[in-house]
Amino acid sequence: MSVNFKHTDEALRKFAKAVVKQAKTRLTKEGHKVTSKLYNSLDYDVKVLPNSFQLLFEMMPYGEFIDKGVRGTKSSPIGTAKSPFKYKDSSKVMGMEYHTGTFAAWAKAKRIRLRDEKGKFKKGNYRSIGFVLARSVKEKGIKPTFFFTKPFEQQFKNLPPQLIESFGLDVEDFLQFTTK
């Protein structure tokens, strides 16, 4: 006979749901919802096993860079000093093929275009814009948004009392069931 962790499961799901909801809100308010890929990838998975609990948060791999920031090769935005991520300084052009395409798609979604000498928009130079943006981000880094970290920390402050109370209810239910 094992304990049914129904209340504990509910508390963990409530915690995870609140973190994801707040993270999505922060992404939207801070203007990081251009293609919605990162926004839509935010999710959680709770597993309650007989002897343990597991809570996993999921997001696109680049979400961690947006959350914690990335130090640049020449300068870094404020707040990236503690970031575990840093662009490597090399004479190679940082695998620009991938980054150029990513930034080109972003520029197209944001409708960013180059102008000629007369101030008129040039047609279809998104690849050039992507290259310029990718090089700039490599040199200057990415400012951290803490879109996930802050909601997690805020909700975590409330978690221990809720979790202890829920766990206690589960044990109490188990004891009542076994003593009948």
Protein backbone atom coordinates (compact mmCIF):
# COMPACT_ATOMS: atom_id res chain seq x y z
CA MET A 1 0.00 0.00 0.00
CA SER A 2 1.42 3.40 -0.93
CA VAL A 3 0.40 6.99 -0.27
CA ASN A 4 -1.81 8.68 -2.87
CA PHE A 5 -0.12 12.06 -3.44
CA LYS A 6 -3.21 13.72 -4.95
CA HIS A 7 -2.88 16.96 -2.94
CA THR A 8 0.87 17.17 -3.53
CA ASP A 9 0.32 16.65 -7.25
CA GLU A 10 -2.27 19.44 -7.28
CA ALA A 11 0.08 21.82 -5.41
CA LEU A 12 2.93 21.13 -7.86
CA ARG A 13 0.64 21.60 -10.86
CA LYS A 14 -0.71 24.86 -9.44
CA PHE A 15 2.87 26.09 -8.89
CA ALA A 16 4.00 25.08 -12.40
CA LYS A 17 0.91 26.53 -14.08
CA ALA A 18 1.44 29.89 -12.31
CA VAL A 19 5.13 29.99 -13.33
CA VAL A 20 4.34 29.26 -16.99
CA LYS A 21 1.47 31.78 -17.05
CA GLN A 22 3.63 34.56 -15.58
CA ALA A 23 6.55 33.69 -17.89
CA LYS A 24 4.27 33.94 -20.93
CA THR A 25 2.92 37.28 -19.68
CA ARG A 26 6.46 38.63 -19.26
CA LEU A 27 7.46 37.47 -22.75
CA THR A 28 4.47 39.29 -24.23
CA LYS A 29 4.90 42.50 -22.20
CA GLU A 30 8.63 42.69 -22.96
CA GLY A 31 8.11 42.24 -26.72
CA HIS A 32 9.69 38.80 -27.06
CA LYS A 33 6.68 37.18 -28.74
CA VAL A 34 7.46 37.86 -32.40
CA THR A 35 6.95 34.35 -33.80
CA SER A 36 5.37 32.86 -30.65
CA LYS A 37 7.64 29.78 -30.86
CA LEU A 38 9.20 30.35 -27.45
CA TYR A 39 5.85 31.42 -25.97
CA ASN A 40 4.11 28.29 -27.26
CA SER A 41 6.94 26.00 -26.14
CA LEU A 42 6.60 26.96 -22.46
CA ASP A 43 5.11 24.01 -20.61
CA TYR A 44 5.57 21.76 -17.58
CA ASP A 45 5.32 18.10 -16.67
CA VAL A 46 4.60 16.81 -13.16
CA LYS A 47 5.24 13.20 -12.25
CA VAL A 48 4.31 11.90 -8.84
CA LEU A 49 5.86 8.50 -8.22
CA PRO A 50 5.46 6.26 -5.16
CA ASN A 51 8.66 7.57 -3.54
CA SER A 52 9.38 10.86 -5.31
CA PHE A 53 8.08 13.86 -7.21
CA GLN A 54 9.38 15.25 -10.47
CA LEU A 55 8.61 18.64 -11.99
CA LEU A 56 10.08 19.56 -15.37
CA PHE A 57 9.72 22.87 -17.15
CA GLU A 58 10.04 22.88 -20.93
CA MET A 59 10.88 25.59 -23.46
CA MET A 60 12.73 26.07 -26.76
CA PRO A 61 16.50 25.74 -26.22
CA TYR A 62 17.17 29.43 -26.92
CA GLY A 63 14.76 30.42 -24.15
CA GLU A 64 17.55 30.04 -21.61
CA PHE A 65 19.65 32.60 -23.55
CA ILE A 66 16.75 35.06 -23.55
CA ASP A 67 16.17 34.46 -19.84
CA LYS A 68 19.77 34.62 -18.58
CA GLY A 69 21.38 36.73 -21.30
CA VAL A 70 24.61 36.15 -23.21
CA ARG A 71 27.88 38.02 -22.85
CA GLY A 72 29.23 39.49 -26.09
CA THR A 73 32.75 39.30 -27.51
CA LYS A 74 33.40 43.06 -27.34
CA SER A 75 30.95 44.38 -24.76
CA SER A 76 28.11 43.00 -22.72
CA PRO A 77 24.75 44.36 -21.65
CA ILE A 78 24.12 45.19 -18.01
CA GLY A 79 23.10 42.09 -16.08
CA THR A 80 25.06 39.52 -18.08
CA ALA A 81 28.02 39.31 -15.70
CA LYS A 82 26.50 36.27 -13.97
CA SER A 83 25.26 34.66 -17.18
CA PRO A 84 26.68 31.19 -17.88
CA PHE A 85 26.60 31.99 -21.62
CA LYS A 86 29.19 33.85 -23.67
CA TYR A 87 29.84 34.17 -27.38
CA LYS A 88 33.27 32.86 -28.27
CA ASP A 89 35.66 35.35 -29.83
CA SER A 90 37.08 33.80 -32.95
CA SER A 91 38.28 34.90 -36.33
CA LYS A 92 35.54 32.77 -37.91
CA VAL A 93 32.22 34.36 -38.62
CA MET A 94 30.31 32.49 -35.81
CA GLY A 95 28.42 30.04 -38.00
CA MET A 96 26.59 33.02 -39.44
CA GLU A 97 24.57 30.86 -41.84
CA TYR A 98 22.28 29.73 -39.03
CA HIS A 99 22.16 33.04 -37.19
CA THR A 100 21.76 35.10 -40.34
CA GLY A 101 18.67 33.11 -41.32
CA THR A 102 17.21 33.35 -37.82
CA PHE A 103 17.73 37.09 -37.61
CA ALA A 104 16.54 37.57 -41.20
CA ALA A 105 13.27 35.84 -40.31
CA TRP A 106 12.99 37.99 -37.18
CA ALA A 107 13.63 41.19 -39.19
CA LYS A 108 11.00 40.15 -41.72
CA ALA A 109 8.45 39.45 -38.96
CA LYS A 110 9.24 42.85 -37.40
CA ARG A 111 9.19 44.48 -40.86
CA ILE A 112 12.69 45.91 -40.49
CA ARG A 113 14.06 47.05 -43.84
CA LEU A 114 17.11 48.89 -45.18
CA ARG A 115 16.86 52.19 -47.00
CA ASP A 116 18.86 53.45 -49.95
CA GLU A 117 20.67 56.80 -50.15
CA LYS A 118 17.41 58.55 -51.05
CA GLY A 119 15.60 57.13 -48.02
CA LYS A 120 13.50 54.65 -49.97
CA PHE A 121 13.12 51.09 -48.74
CA LYS A 122 15.27 48.50 -50.49
CA LYS A 123 13.56 45.30 -51.58
CA GLY A 124 14.24 41.92 -49.99
CA ASN A 125 17.55 42.51 -48.19
CA TYR A 126 16.57 40.47 -45.15
CA ARG A 127 19.68 38.26 -45.46
CA SER A 128 21.87 41.37 -45.19
CA ILE A 129 19.88 42.60 -42.21
CA GLY A 130 20.18 39.14 -40.64
CA PHE A 131 23.96 39.20 -41.04
CA VAL A 132 24.28 42.68 -39.51
CA LEU A 133 22.00 41.77 -36.59
CA ALA A 134 23.80 38.46 -35.95
CA ARG A 135 27.20 40.19 -35.91
CA SER A 136 25.91 42.91 -33.59
CA VAL A 137 24.41 40.40 -31.15
CA LYS A 138 27.65 38.39 -31.15
CA GLU A 139 29.68 41.49 -30.32
CA LYS A 140 27.27 43.11 -27.84
CA GLY A 141 25.56 40.07 -26.33
CA ILE A 142 21.96 39.61 -25.24
CA LYS A 143 20.50 41.42 -22.25
CA PRO A 144 18.85 39.05 -19.76
CA THR A 145 15.07 39.30 -19.44
CA PHE A 146 14.56 36.88 -16.52
CA PHE A 147 11.14 36.15 -18.08
CA PHE A 148 11.26 32.67 -16.52
CA THR A 149 13.59 33.14 -13.55
CA LYS A 150 11.55 35.87 -11.84
CA PRO A 151 8.17 34.07 -11.99
CA PHE A 152 9.85 30.85 -10.82
CA GLU A 153 11.48 32.56 -7.83
CA GLN A 154 8.29 34.44 -6.98
CA GLN A 155 6.14 31.30 -7.04
CA PHE A 156 8.82 29.24 -5.27
CA LYS A 157 8.52 31.51 -2.22
CA ASN A 158 4.90 30.33 -1.89
CA LEU A 159 5.60 26.69 -2.67
CA PRO A 160 7.05 25.25 0.55
CA PRO A 161 4.05 26.05 2.80
CA GLN A 162 1.60 24.86 0.13
CA LEU A 163 3.60 21.73 -0.56
CA ILE A 164 4.06 20.85 3.12
CA GLU A 165 0.35 21.37 3.74
CA SER A 166 -0.61 19.29 0.67
CA PHE A 167 1.85 16.54 1.56
CA GLY A 168 0.43 16.50 5.10
CA LEU A 169 -3.12 16.14 3.71
CA ASP A 170 -2.00 13.21 1.55
CA VAL A 171 -0.36 11.45 4.51
CA GLU A 172 -3.43 12.16 6.64
CA ASP A 173 -5.70 10.65 3.94
CA PHE A 174 -3.43 7.62 3.78
CA LEU A 175 -3.48 7.14 7.54
CA GLN A 176 -7.26 7.47 7.68
CA PHE A 177 -7.59 4.91 4.87
CA THR A 178 -5.21 2.40 6.49
CA THR A 179 -6.76 2.70 9.97
CA LYS A 180 -10.28 1.92 8.70
